[in-house]
N, C-alpha and C. Protein backbone atom coordinates (compact mmCIF):
# COMPACT_ATOMS: atom_id res chain seq x y z
N UNK A 1 112.31 83.45 100.04
CA UNK A 1 112.50 84.87 100.95
C UNK A 1 112.30 85.72 99.14
N UNK A 2 110.74 87.08 99.45
CA UNK A 2 110.91 87.57 98.28
C UNK A 2 111.72 88.76 98.44
N UNK A 3 112.84 89.39 98.04
CA UNK A 3 113.25 90.53 98.05
C UNK A 3 113.69 91.55 96.77
N UNK A 4 113.01 92.66 96.52
CA UNK A 4 113.90 93.34 95.70
C UNK A 4 114.57 95.10 96.18
N UNK A 5 115.29 95.70 95.13
CA UNK A 5 115.60 96.73 95.09
C UNK A 5 115.02 97.86 94.67
N UNK A 6 114.64 99.24 94.70
CA UNK A 6 114.35 100.22 94.58
C UNK A 6 115.44 100.59 93.31
N UNK A 7 114.82 100.67 92.41
CA UNK A 7 116.36 101.06 91.13
C UNK A 7 116.63 102.53 90.93
N UNK A 8 116.33 103.30 92.27
CA UNK A 8 117.04 104.65 92.28
C UNK A 8 118.79 104.85 91.95
N UNK A 9 119.30 105.33 91.11
CA UNK A 9 120.67 105.57 91.15
C UNK A 9 120.91 106.42 92.08
N UNK A 10 122.02 106.12 92.89
CA UNK A 10 122.84 107.01 93.80
C UNK A 10 122.27 107.52 94.64
N UNK A 11 121.04 107.55 94.88
CA UNK A 11 120.26 107.81 96.38
C UNK A 11 120.25 106.59 97.33
N UNK A 12 120.04 106.88 98.49
CA UNK A 12 119.59 105.15 99.37
C UNK A 12 118.64 104.69 98.83
N UNK A 13 118.77 103.06 99.10
CA UNK A 13 118.31 102.13 98.12
C UNK A 13 116.92 101.50 99.08
N UNK A 14 115.47 101.31 98.38
CA UNK A 14 114.51 100.05 99.47
C UNK A 14 114.80 99.04 99.20
N UNK A 15 114.96 98.40 100.43
CA UNK A 15 115.34 96.60 99.79
C UNK A 15 113.62 96.40 100.57
N UNK A 16 112.66 96.03 99.74
CA UNK A 16 111.46 95.49 100.24
C UNK A 16 111.83 94.13 100.39
N UNK A 17 111.59 93.09 101.38
CA UNK A 17 111.74 91.95 102.30
C UNK A 17 110.86 91.65 102.83
N UNK A 18 109.99 90.14 102.53
CA UNK A 18 109.04 89.38 103.40
C UNK A 18 109.30 88.64 104.21
N UNK A 19 108.88 88.93 105.40
CA UNK A 19 109.74 88.63 106.29
C UNK A 19 108.62 87.15 106.63
N UNK A 20 108.62 86.46 107.12
CA UNK A 20 108.54 84.70 106.85
C UNK A 20 108.73 84.08 107.52
N UNK A 21 108.47 82.61 107.83
CA UNK A 21 108.91 81.23 108.56
C UNK A 21 109.02 80.79 106.67
N UNK A 22 110.48 79.91 106.62
CA UNK A 22 110.57 79.47 105.41
C UNK A 22 111.13 78.49 105.54
N UNK A 23 111.16 77.69 104.61
CA UNK A 23 112.04 75.99 104.68
C UNK A 23 113.32 76.45 104.41
N UNK A 24 113.68 77.53 103.76
CA UNK A 24 115.49 77.59 103.71
C UNK A 24 115.84 78.60 104.28
N UNK A 25 116.96 78.84 104.38
CA UNK A 25 117.48 80.23 105.61
C UNK A 25 117.75 81.56 104.36
N UNK A 26 117.19 82.54 104.77
CA UNK A 26 117.40 83.96 104.60
C UNK A 26 118.86 83.84 103.90
N UNK A 27 119.33 84.08 102.48
CA UNK A 27 120.69 85.16 101.83
C UNK A 27 121.23 85.89 102.62
N UNK A 28 122.09 85.68 102.56
CA UNK A 28 122.95 87.15 103.47
C UNK A 28 122.40 88.10 102.51
N UNK A 29 122.07 90.22 102.83
CA UNK A 29 122.14 90.79 101.80
C UNK A 29 122.87 91.57 102.21
N UNK A 30 123.76 92.69 101.31
CA UNK A 30 124.56 93.48 101.30
C UNK A 30 123.97 94.74 100.47
N UNK A 31 124.36 95.27 101.40
CA UNK A 31 123.73 97.29 102.01
C UNK A 31 124.81 97.89 101.94
N UNK A 32 123.85 99.59 101.48
CA UNK A 32 125.14 100.31 101.74
C UNK A 32 124.48 101.38 103.01
N UNK A 33 125.65 101.67 103.42
CA UNK A 33 124.80 102.82 104.82
C UNK A 33 124.10 103.77 103.95
N UNK A 34 122.86 104.13 105.01
CA UNK A 34 121.78 104.27 104.79
C UNK A 34 120.21 103.99 103.48
N UNK A 35 121.06 102.31 103.57
CA UNK A 35 119.65 102.22 102.81
C UNK A 35 118.42 101.90 103.30
N UNK A 36 117.25 101.45 102.99
CA UNK A 36 116.23 101.41 103.97
C UNK A 36 115.75 99.45 103.77
N UNK A 37 115.69 99.37 104.82
CA UNK A 37 115.21 97.49 104.51
C UNK A 37 113.82 98.03 104.91
N UNK A 38 112.95 97.43 104.44
CA UNK A 38 111.15 97.41 104.91
C UNK A 38 111.00 95.83 104.90
N UNK A 39 110.74 95.31 106.47
CA UNK A 39 110.68 94.23 106.72
C UNK A 39 108.89 93.92 106.67
N UNK A 40 108.61 93.05 105.85
CA UNK A 40 107.06 92.76 105.03
C UNK A 40 106.41 91.93 105.57
N UNK A 41 105.76 92.10 107.10
CA UNK A 41 105.07 91.44 107.60
C UNK A 41 103.81 91.79 108.73
N UNK A 42 102.28 91.02 108.60
CA UNK A 42 101.26 91.19 109.38
C UNK A 42 101.64 91.00 110.81
N UNK A 43 101.60 89.67 110.98
CA UNK A 43 101.17 89.15 112.30
C UNK A 43 102.02 88.30 112.74
N UNK A 44 102.24 88.10 114.11
CA UNK A 44 103.13 87.54 115.05
C UNK A 44 104.54 86.98 114.29
N UNK A 45 104.66 88.31 114.49
CA UNK A 45 106.53 88.12 114.24
C UNK A 45 107.30 89.47 114.47
N UNK A 46 108.65 89.51 114.87
CA UNK A 46 109.02 90.88 115.72
C UNK A 46 110.23 90.90 114.46
N UNK A 47 111.41 91.87 114.77
CA UNK A 47 112.69 91.71 114.46
C UNK A 47 112.97 92.92 115.62
N UNK A 48 114.82 91.83 115.85
CA UNK A 48 114.79 91.96 116.99
C UNK A 48 116.41 91.87 116.13
N UNK A 49 117.44 92.35 117.24
CA UNK A 49 118.92 92.30 116.36
C UNK A 49 119.86 91.31 117.71
N UNK A 50 121.12 90.81 117.55
CA UNK A 50 121.94 90.22 118.23
C UNK A 50 123.17 90.90 118.05
N UNK A 51 123.75 90.50 119.09
CA UNK A 51 125.31 91.54 119.41
C UNK A 51 126.07 91.43 118.26
N UNK A 52 126.18 89.57 117.92
CA UNK A 52 127.03 89.21 117.34
C UNK A 52 126.94 87.86 116.52
N UNK A 53 128.01 87.04 115.50
CA UNK A 53 127.75 86.11 115.07
C UNK A 53 127.02 85.06 116.07
N UNK A 54 127.62 84.75 116.99
CA UNK A 54 128.17 83.82 117.77
C UNK A 54 126.56 84.09 118.45
N UNK A 55 125.56 85.17 118.87
CA UNK A 55 124.63 85.01 119.14
C UNK A 55 123.49 84.93 117.88
N UNK A 56 124.11 85.32 116.87
CA UNK A 56 123.04 85.09 115.80
C UNK A 56 122.79 83.50 115.14
N UNK A 57 124.15 82.89 115.48
CA UNK A 57 124.06 81.26 115.43
C UNK A 57 122.99 80.71 115.95
N UNK A 58 123.12 81.42 117.83
CA UNK A 58 122.56 80.42 118.27
C UNK A 58 121.11 81.08 118.59
N UNK A 59 120.63 81.87 118.10
CA UNK A 59 119.83 82.61 118.27
C UNK A 59 119.19 83.47 119.42
N UNK A 60 120.31 84.00 120.26
CA UNK A 60 120.71 84.83 121.22
C UNK A 60 120.01 85.94 121.45
N UNK A 61 118.77 86.44 121.72
CA UNK A 61 118.86 87.99 121.17
C UNK A 61 118.99 88.59 122.69
N UNK A 62 119.68 90.29 121.93
CA UNK A 62 119.81 90.45 123.17
C UNK A 62 118.64 92.01 123.10
N UNK A 63 118.93 93.02 124.02
CA UNK A 63 117.92 93.81 123.92
C UNK A 63 117.43 94.95 123.02
N UNK A 64 118.35 94.83 121.97
CA UNK A 64 118.05 96.06 120.74
C UNK A 64 117.27 95.30 120.02
N UNK A 65 115.47 96.49 119.55
CA UNK A 65 114.47 95.99 118.45
C UNK A 65 114.69 96.95 117.65
N UNK A 66 113.96 96.42 116.31
CA UNK A 66 113.91 97.21 115.23
C UNK A 66 111.72 97.31 114.94
N UNK A 67 111.58 96.31 115.49
CA UNK A 67 110.16 96.33 115.65
C UNK A 67 109.96 97.18 117.09
N UNK A 68 108.48 97.46 117.42
CA UNK A 68 108.64 98.19 118.69
C UNK A 68 108.79 96.65 119.63
N UNK A 69 109.31 97.62 120.86
CA UNK A 69 109.41 96.14 121.55
C UNK A 69 107.95 95.54 122.20
N UNK A 70 108.54 94.16 121.91
CA UNK A 70 107.36 93.80 122.87
C UNK A 70 105.98 93.25 121.92
N UNK A 71 106.10 93.95 120.68
CA UNK A 71 104.67 94.28 119.99
C UNK A 71 104.93 93.16 118.84
N UNK A 72 103.90 92.44 118.78
CA UNK A 72 104.09 91.21 117.76
C UNK A 72 103.46 91.79 116.16
N UNK A 73 102.35 92.40 116.24
CA UNK A 73 101.69 92.54 114.69
C UNK A 73 101.85 94.52 114.58
N UNK A 74 103.35 94.27 114.66
CA UNK A 74 103.57 95.96 114.09
C UNK A 74 104.14 96.19 113.08
N UNK A 75 104.20 94.99 112.04
CA UNK A 75 104.58 95.11 110.36
C UNK A 75 103.48 95.86 109.83
N UNK A 76 104.15 95.97 108.36
CA UNK A 76 105.73 96.15 108.28
C UNK A 76 106.03 97.87 108.67
N UNK A 77 107.66 97.31 108.99
CA UNK A 77 108.44 98.38 109.19
C UNK A 77 109.52 98.82 108.21
N UNK A 78 110.18 99.47 108.47
CA UNK A 78 111.26 100.37 107.80
C UNK A 78 112.60 100.56 108.51
N UNK A 79 113.72 99.66 107.92
CA UNK A 79 115.00 99.99 109.00
C UNK A 79 116.30 100.62 108.38
N UNK A 80 116.51 102.18 109.02
CA UNK A 80 117.49 102.84 108.16
C UNK A 80 118.93 102.39 108.77
N UNK A 81 119.58 101.54 107.61
CA UNK A 81 120.81 101.44 107.83
C UNK A 81 122.01 102.25 108.30
N UNK A 82 122.44 102.17 109.60
CA UNK A 82 123.11 103.18 109.94
C UNK A 82 124.79 102.82 110.39
N UNK A 83 124.72 101.65 110.46
CA UNK A 83 125.75 101.07 110.01
C UNK A 83 127.03 101.57 108.90
N UNK A 84 128.48 101.37 109.41
CA UNK A 84 129.21 102.21 108.46
C UNK A 84 129.50 100.69 107.17
N UNK A 85 130.20 100.73 105.95
CA UNK A 85 130.90 99.50 105.36
C UNK A 85 131.73 98.97 106.34
N UNK A 86 132.04 97.67 105.90
CA UNK A 86 132.38 96.71 107.13
C UNK A 86 131.98 96.02 107.92
N UNK A 87 130.37 96.62 108.18
CA UNK A 87 129.93 96.52 109.55
C UNK A 87 129.28 95.23 109.30
N UNK A 88 128.69 94.49 110.05
CA UNK A 88 127.19 93.58 110.11
C UNK A 88 126.49 93.65 110.72
N UNK A 89 124.84 93.03 110.55
CA UNK A 89 124.01 93.30 110.91
C UNK A 89 123.51 92.19 111.51
N UNK A 90 123.11 91.84 112.51
CA UNK A 90 122.24 90.30 112.39
C UNK A 90 121.09 90.17 113.45
N UNK A 91 120.01 90.21 112.14
CA UNK A 91 119.12 90.35 112.96
C UNK A 91 118.16 88.75 112.63
N UNK A 92 117.12 88.70 113.32
CA UNK A 92 115.82 87.83 113.61
C UNK A 92 114.45 87.81 114.16
N UNK A 93 113.76 87.09 114.10
CA UNK A 93 112.59 86.91 114.90
C UNK A 93 112.62 86.28 116.08
N UNK A 94 111.81 86.81 117.12
CA UNK A 94 111.94 86.01 118.58
C UNK A 94 110.34 85.36 118.98
N UNK A 95 109.63 85.45 118.11
CA UNK A 95 108.59 84.86 118.24
C UNK A 95 108.98 83.00 118.70
N UNK A 96 108.13 82.42 119.66
CA UNK A 96 108.04 81.11 119.50
C UNK A 96 109.60 80.56 119.14
N UNK A 97 109.41 79.47 118.13
CA UNK A 97 110.87 78.80 117.78
C UNK A 97 110.94 79.47 115.78
N UNK A 98 110.79 80.69 115.71
CA UNK A 98 110.51 80.75 114.45
C UNK A 98 112.31 81.67 113.72
N UNK A 99 113.17 81.76 114.89
CA UNK A 99 114.53 81.94 114.79
C UNK A 99 114.51 80.36 114.43
N UNK A 100 114.89 79.92 115.15
CA UNK A 100 115.57 77.99 115.42
C UNK A 100 115.45 77.58 114.34
N UNK A 101 113.67 77.27 114.47
CA UNK A 101 113.56 76.15 113.52
C UNK A 101 112.42 76.76 112.26
N UNK A 102 112.20 78.03 111.82
CA UNK A 102 111.53 78.67 111.02
C UNK A 102 112.85 79.76 109.81
N UNK A 103 113.88 79.59 109.88
CA UNK A 103 114.85 80.41 109.41
C UNK A 103 114.84 81.68 109.40
N UNK A 104 113.77 82.37 110.71
CA UNK A 104 113.85 83.39 110.31
C UNK A 104 114.56 84.61 111.13
N UNK A 105 115.91 84.53 110.93
CA UNK A 105 117.01 85.13 110.78
C UNK A 105 117.65 85.70 109.63
N UNK A 106 118.86 86.77 109.88
CA UNK A 106 119.51 87.61 108.01
C UNK A 106 120.27 87.97 109.00
N UNK A 107 121.76 87.75 108.07
CA UNK A 107 122.91 88.87 108.01
C UNK A 107 122.79 89.82 107.30
N UNK A 108 122.89 90.56 107.87
CA UNK A 108 123.40 91.87 106.40
C UNK A 108 124.43 92.73 106.78
N UNK A 109 125.38 92.56 105.42
CA UNK A 109 126.57 93.11 105.64
C UNK A 109 126.69 94.40 104.71
N UNK A 110 127.29 95.69 105.28
CA UNK A 110 127.26 96.64 104.83
C UNK A 110 128.27 96.96 104.13
N UNK A 111 128.49 97.32 102.96
CA UNK A 111 129.06 97.30 101.71
C UNK A 111 129.55 99.00 100.99
């Protein structure tokens, strides 16, 4: 995973994240409410949410989308973290087996 935060102090941060199939799982992210996550991908991926940790572990997606619903080539996209401190967001790619076998899922902890 290639990720970096912008260095601006006191302002919402932007995290640029290369969203791709990987041999290794994505490490958990720690973000603040209001931060922006930039999912950088070009084709054949999407970004969808899981309702909880169990669904995340099982790659069982619900009906919430971050990328435009049903579109595979909509990247890159930005996601503004609206959740509050202490909440956790679970996201992944629902294309083919990208979640199950491509490690395309991510835990985002709001701190």
